[in-house]
Amino acid sequence: MNVKKLLERVRLFLDADTQTQLHEIRSIRKVLKALKEKERELQASLEHEKDDEAREALQLHLEVIYAQRKKGVDRVLQLKEALKPEEDILQRPLD
């Protein structure tokens, strides 16, 4: 991705209002919860699976889900950090 596109994405992100960011956080958390449940199911299947090829396929799926969850968690943390300065401004006492 070139610098111009990255800067545009940052600008769009920073221009988004707080409610939009909170909505995105809630949406990502729902997806993360579903991915965690799927990860647990696959882990249980992996423990009971005897076939090596099927185990490898399950392990690959687990790795993909783990990577997706990590990206989601990172995004939630990024959104929360972006909201922090706004919250600090609102909580600061007036002089």
N, C-alpha and C. Protein backbone atom coordinates (compact mmCIF):
# COMPACT_ATOMS: atom_id res chain seq x y z
N MET A 1 0.85 -1.17 0.00
CA MET A 1 0.00 0.00 0.00
C MET A 1 0.90 1.23 0.00
N ASN A 2 0.60 2.18 -0.84
CA ASN A 2 1.47 3.35 -0.91
C ASN A 2 1.12 4.35 0.21
N VAL A 3 1.99 5.31 0.38
CA VAL A 3 1.87 6.28 1.47
C VAL A 3 0.58 7.10 1.34
N LYS A 4 0.23 7.45 0.13
CA LYS A 4 -0.97 8.27 -0.08
C LYS A 4 -2.22 7.52 0.42
N LYS A 5 -2.31 6.24 0.09
CA LYS A 5 -3.47 5.46 0.53
C LYS A 5 -3.46 5.28 2.04
N LEU A 6 -2.29 5.05 2.61
CA LEU A 6 -2.20 4.90 4.06
C LEU A 6 -2.62 6.18 4.77
N LEU A 7 -2.16 7.31 4.27
CA LEU A 7 -2.55 8.58 4.86
C LEU A 7 -4.05 8.82 4.74
N GLU A 8 -4.61 8.44 3.61
CA GLU A 8 -6.06 8.57 3.43
C GLU A 8 -6.81 7.70 4.43
N ARG A 9 -6.33 6.49 4.64
CA ARG A 9 -6.98 5.60 5.61
C ARG A 9 -6.89 6.17 7.02
N VAL A 10 -5.74 6.72 7.36
CA VAL A 10 -5.57 7.33 8.68
C VAL A 10 -6.50 8.52 8.83
N ARG A 11 -6.59 9.35 7.79
CA ARG A 11 -7.47 10.52 7.83
C ARG A 11 -8.91 10.09 8.03
N LEU A 12 -9.34 9.08 7.28
CA LEU A 12 -10.71 8.59 7.41
C LEU A 12 -10.97 8.04 8.81
N PHE A 13 -9.98 7.33 9.33
CA PHE A 13 -10.13 6.78 10.67
C PHE A 13 -10.24 7.89 11.71
N LEU A 14 -9.38 8.89 11.60
CA LEU A 14 -9.39 9.97 12.58
C LEU A 14 -10.64 10.84 12.47
N ASP A 15 -11.22 10.89 11.30
CA ASP A 15 -12.43 11.69 11.11
C ASP A 15 -13.69 10.98 11.61
N ALA A 16 -13.59 9.71 11.78
CA ALA A 16 -14.77 8.95 12.23
C ALA A 16 -15.16 9.41 13.63
N ASP A 17 -16.43 9.53 13.84
CA ASP A 17 -16.86 9.97 15.16
C ASP A 17 -16.79 8.84 16.17
N THR A 18 -16.89 9.18 17.41
CA THR A 18 -16.73 8.25 18.51
C THR A 18 -17.75 7.12 18.45
N GLN A 19 -18.98 7.44 18.11
CA GLN A 19 -20.01 6.41 18.06
C GLN A 19 -19.70 5.35 17.01
N THR A 20 -19.17 5.78 15.89
CA THR A 20 -18.80 4.84 14.84
C THR A 20 -17.69 3.92 15.34
N GLN A 21 -16.73 4.47 16.03
CA GLN A 21 -15.63 3.66 16.56
C GLN A 21 -16.14 2.69 17.62
N LEU A 22 -17.04 3.14 18.48
CA LEU A 22 -17.60 2.25 19.50
C LEU A 22 -18.41 1.13 18.86
N HIS A 23 -19.14 1.47 17.81
CA HIS A 23 -19.90 0.46 17.08
C HIS A 23 -18.95 -0.58 16.46
N GLU A 24 -17.85 -0.11 15.91
CA GLU A 24 -16.87 -1.02 15.32
C GLU A 24 -16.27 -1.93 16.38
N ILE A 25 -15.99 -1.39 17.55
CA ILE A 25 -15.46 -2.20 18.65
C ILE A 25 -16.45 -3.30 19.03
N ARG A 26 -17.73 -2.92 19.16
CA ARG A 26 -18.74 -3.93 19.52
C ARG A 26 -18.86 -5.00 18.45
N SER A 27 -18.82 -4.60 17.20
CA SER A 27 -18.93 -5.56 16.10
C SER A 27 -17.74 -6.51 16.09
N ILE A 28 -16.56 -5.98 16.28
CA ILE A 28 -15.37 -6.82 16.29
C ILE A 28 -15.41 -7.79 17.46
N ARG A 29 -15.88 -7.32 18.61
CA ARG A 29 -15.96 -8.20 19.78
C ARG A 29 -16.91 -9.37 19.54
N LYS A 30 -18.03 -9.12 18.84
CA LYS A 30 -18.95 -10.21 18.51
C LYS A 30 -18.26 -11.25 17.64
N VAL A 31 -17.52 -10.77 16.64
CA VAL A 31 -16.80 -11.68 15.75
C VAL A 31 -15.72 -12.43 16.52
N LEU A 32 -15.02 -11.74 17.41
CA LEU A 32 -13.98 -12.39 18.20
C LEU A 32 -14.56 -13.50 19.08
N LYS A 33 -15.73 -13.24 19.63
CA LYS A 33 -16.39 -14.25 20.47
C LYS A 33 -16.75 -15.49 19.64
N ALA A 34 -17.27 -15.27 18.45
CA ALA A 34 -17.62 -16.39 17.57
C ALA A 34 -16.36 -17.15 17.14
N LEU A 35 -15.29 -16.43 16.85
CA LEU A 35 -14.05 -17.08 16.46
C LEU A 35 -13.46 -17.90 17.61
N LYS A 36 -13.59 -17.39 18.82
CA LYS A 36 -13.09 -18.13 19.98
C LYS A 36 -13.86 -19.43 20.17
N GLU A 37 -15.16 -19.36 19.99
CA GLU A 37 -15.99 -20.57 20.10
C GLU A 37 -15.59 -21.58 19.03
N LYS A 38 -15.41 -21.11 17.81
CA LYS A 38 -14.99 -21.98 16.70
C LYS A 38 -13.62 -22.58 17.00
N GLU A 39 -12.73 -21.77 17.57
CA GLU A 39 -11.40 -22.26 17.92
C GLU A 39 -11.49 -23.39 18.96
N ARG A 40 -12.36 -23.22 19.94
CA ARG A 40 -12.55 -24.27 20.96
C ARG A 40 -13.09 -25.56 20.34
N GLU A 41 -14.05 -25.41 19.43
CA GLU A 41 -14.61 -26.59 18.76
C GLU A 41 -13.54 -27.32 17.95
N LEU A 42 -12.74 -26.56 17.20
CA LEU A 42 -11.69 -27.18 16.40
C LEU A 42 -10.61 -27.82 17.27
N GLN A 43 -10.31 -27.19 18.40
CA GLN A 43 -9.33 -27.76 19.32
C GLN A 43 -9.83 -29.09 19.88
N ALA A 44 -11.11 -29.16 20.21
CA ALA A 44 -11.69 -30.41 20.70
C ALA A 44 -11.67 -31.46 19.60
N SER A 45 -11.99 -31.07 18.38
CA SER A 45 -11.95 -32.01 17.26
C SER A 45 -10.53 -32.51 17.01
N LEU A 46 -9.58 -31.61 17.15
CA LEU A 46 -8.17 -31.97 16.94
C LEU A 46 -7.71 -33.00 17.96
N GLU A 47 -8.14 -32.86 19.19
CA GLU A 47 -7.75 -33.80 20.24
C GLU A 47 -8.29 -35.20 19.99
N HIS A 48 -9.46 -35.30 19.35
CA HIS A 48 -10.09 -36.60 19.12
C HIS A 48 -9.74 -37.19 17.77
N GLU A 49 -9.17 -36.40 16.89
CA GLU A 49 -8.87 -36.86 15.52
C GLU A 49 -7.65 -37.78 15.52
N LYS A 50 -7.77 -38.89 14.78
CA LYS A 50 -6.68 -39.87 14.68
C LYS A 50 -5.90 -39.72 13.36
N ASP A 51 -6.59 -39.35 12.30
CA ASP A 51 -5.99 -39.26 10.98
C ASP A 51 -5.03 -38.07 10.90
N ASP A 52 -3.80 -38.33 10.47
CA ASP A 52 -2.78 -37.28 10.42
C ASP A 52 -3.15 -36.14 9.46
N GLU A 53 -3.69 -36.47 8.30
CA GLU A 53 -4.06 -35.44 7.33
C GLU A 53 -5.18 -34.55 7.86
N ALA A 54 -6.15 -35.18 8.50
CA ALA A 54 -7.25 -34.41 9.07
C ALA A 54 -6.73 -33.53 10.21
N ARG A 55 -5.79 -34.05 11.00
CA ARG A 55 -5.19 -33.27 12.09
C ARG A 55 -4.45 -32.05 11.54
N GLU A 56 -3.73 -32.25 10.44
CA GLU A 56 -3.01 -31.13 9.82
C GLU A 56 -3.99 -30.07 9.32
N ALA A 57 -5.08 -30.51 8.72
CA ALA A 57 -6.09 -29.57 8.22
C ALA A 57 -6.71 -28.79 9.39
N LEU A 58 -7.03 -29.50 10.46
CA LEU A 58 -7.60 -28.83 11.63
C LEU A 58 -6.60 -27.85 12.24
N GLN A 59 -5.33 -28.25 12.29
CA GLN A 59 -4.30 -27.37 12.83
C GLN A 59 -4.16 -26.11 11.98
N LEU A 60 -4.24 -26.27 10.67
CA LEU A 60 -4.18 -25.12 9.77
C LEU A 60 -5.34 -24.16 10.01
N HIS A 61 -6.54 -24.72 10.17
CA HIS A 61 -7.72 -23.90 10.47
C HIS A 61 -7.53 -23.16 11.80
N LEU A 62 -6.99 -23.86 12.79
CA LEU A 62 -6.74 -23.23 14.08
C LEU A 62 -5.76 -22.06 13.96
N GLU A 63 -4.72 -22.25 13.16
CA GLU A 63 -3.74 -21.19 12.98
C GLU A 63 -4.36 -19.97 12.29
N VAL A 64 -5.22 -20.22 11.32
CA VAL A 64 -5.89 -19.12 10.62
C VAL A 64 -6.80 -18.36 11.59
N ILE A 65 -7.56 -19.10 12.38
CA ILE A 65 -8.47 -18.47 13.34
C ILE A 65 -7.67 -17.68 14.36
N TYR A 66 -6.55 -18.24 14.83
CA TYR A 66 -5.71 -17.53 15.78
C TYR A 66 -5.22 -16.21 15.19
N ALA A 67 -4.77 -16.24 13.94
CA ALA A 67 -4.28 -15.03 13.28
C ALA A 67 -5.41 -14.00 13.14
N GLN A 68 -6.61 -14.46 12.79
CA GLN A 68 -7.74 -13.55 12.65
C GLN A 68 -8.11 -12.92 13.99
N ARG A 69 -8.09 -13.73 15.04
CA ARG A 69 -8.41 -13.21 16.37
C ARG A 69 -7.36 -12.19 16.82
N LYS A 70 -6.11 -12.48 16.53
CA LYS A 70 -5.04 -11.55 16.91
C LYS A 70 -5.23 -10.21 16.20
N LYS A 71 -5.56 -10.25 14.92
CA LYS A 71 -5.81 -9.02 14.18
C LYS A 71 -6.99 -8.25 14.79
N GLY A 72 -8.02 -8.98 15.14
CA GLY A 72 -9.21 -8.35 15.73
C GLY A 72 -8.90 -7.70 17.07
N VAL A 73 -8.15 -8.40 17.91
CA VAL A 73 -7.78 -7.85 19.21
C VAL A 73 -6.91 -6.62 19.03
N ASP A 74 -5.97 -6.69 18.11
CA ASP A 74 -5.12 -5.54 17.83
C ASP A 74 -5.95 -4.34 17.37
N ARG A 75 -6.94 -4.60 16.55
CA ARG A 75 -7.80 -3.52 16.04
C ARG A 75 -8.63 -2.90 17.17
N VAL A 76 -9.15 -3.73 18.07
CA VAL A 76 -9.92 -3.21 19.20
C VAL A 76 -9.02 -2.33 20.07
N LEU A 77 -7.80 -2.80 20.34
CA LEU A 77 -6.86 -2.00 21.13
C LEU A 77 -6.54 -0.68 20.44
N GLN A 78 -6.37 -0.74 19.13
CA GLN A 78 -6.09 0.48 18.36
C GLN A 78 -7.26 1.46 18.46
N LEU A 79 -8.47 0.95 18.35
CA LEU A 79 -9.65 1.82 18.45
C LEU A 79 -9.77 2.42 19.85
N LYS A 80 -9.51 1.63 20.86
CA LYS A 80 -9.58 2.13 22.23
C LYS A 80 -8.54 3.22 22.47
N GLU A 81 -7.35 3.02 21.94
CA GLU A 81 -6.31 4.05 22.07
C GLU A 81 -6.73 5.34 21.38
N ALA A 82 -7.38 5.21 20.23
CA ALA A 82 -7.83 6.39 19.50
C ALA A 82 -8.91 7.14 20.29
N LEU A 83 -9.71 6.41 21.05
CA LEU A 83 -10.77 7.04 21.84
C LEU A 83 -10.23 7.67 23.11
N LYS A 84 -9.11 7.20 23.62
CA LYS A 84 -8.58 7.68 24.89
C LYS A 84 -8.37 9.19 24.94
N PRO A 85 -7.71 9.81 23.96
CA PRO A 85 -7.52 11.26 24.06
C PRO A 85 -8.83 12.03 24.14
N GLU A 86 -9.85 11.57 23.44
CA GLU A 86 -11.14 12.24 23.50
C GLU A 86 -11.74 12.11 24.89
N GLU A 87 -11.61 10.94 25.51
CA GLU A 87 -12.13 10.74 26.85
C GLU A 87 -11.37 11.59 27.86
N ASP A 88 -10.05 11.69 27.69
CA ASP A 88 -9.24 12.50 28.58
C ASP A 88 -9.64 13.97 28.51
N ILE A 89 -9.94 14.45 27.33
CA ILE A 89 -10.34 15.84 27.15
C ILE A 89 -11.67 16.09 27.87
N LEU A 90 -12.58 15.13 27.77
CA LEU A 90 -13.88 15.31 28.40
C LEU A 90 -13.80 15.26 29.91
N GLN A 91 -12.85 14.52 30.46
CA GLN A 91 -12.75 14.36 31.90
C GLN A 91 -11.85 15.40 32.56
N ARG A 92 -11.12 16.16 31.77
CA ARG A 92 -10.22 17.16 32.30
C ARG A 92 -11.02 18.29 32.95
N PRO A 93 -10.63 18.73 34.16
CA PRO A 93 -11.38 19.83 34.82
C PRO A 93 -11.17 21.14 34.07
N LEU A 94 -12.21 21.95 34.11
CA LEU A 94 -12.13 23.27 33.48
C LEU A 94 -11.35 24.23 34.36
N ASP A 95 -10.56 25.08 33.74
CA ASP A 95 -9.76 26.06 34.50
C ASP A 95 -10.56 27.31 34.78
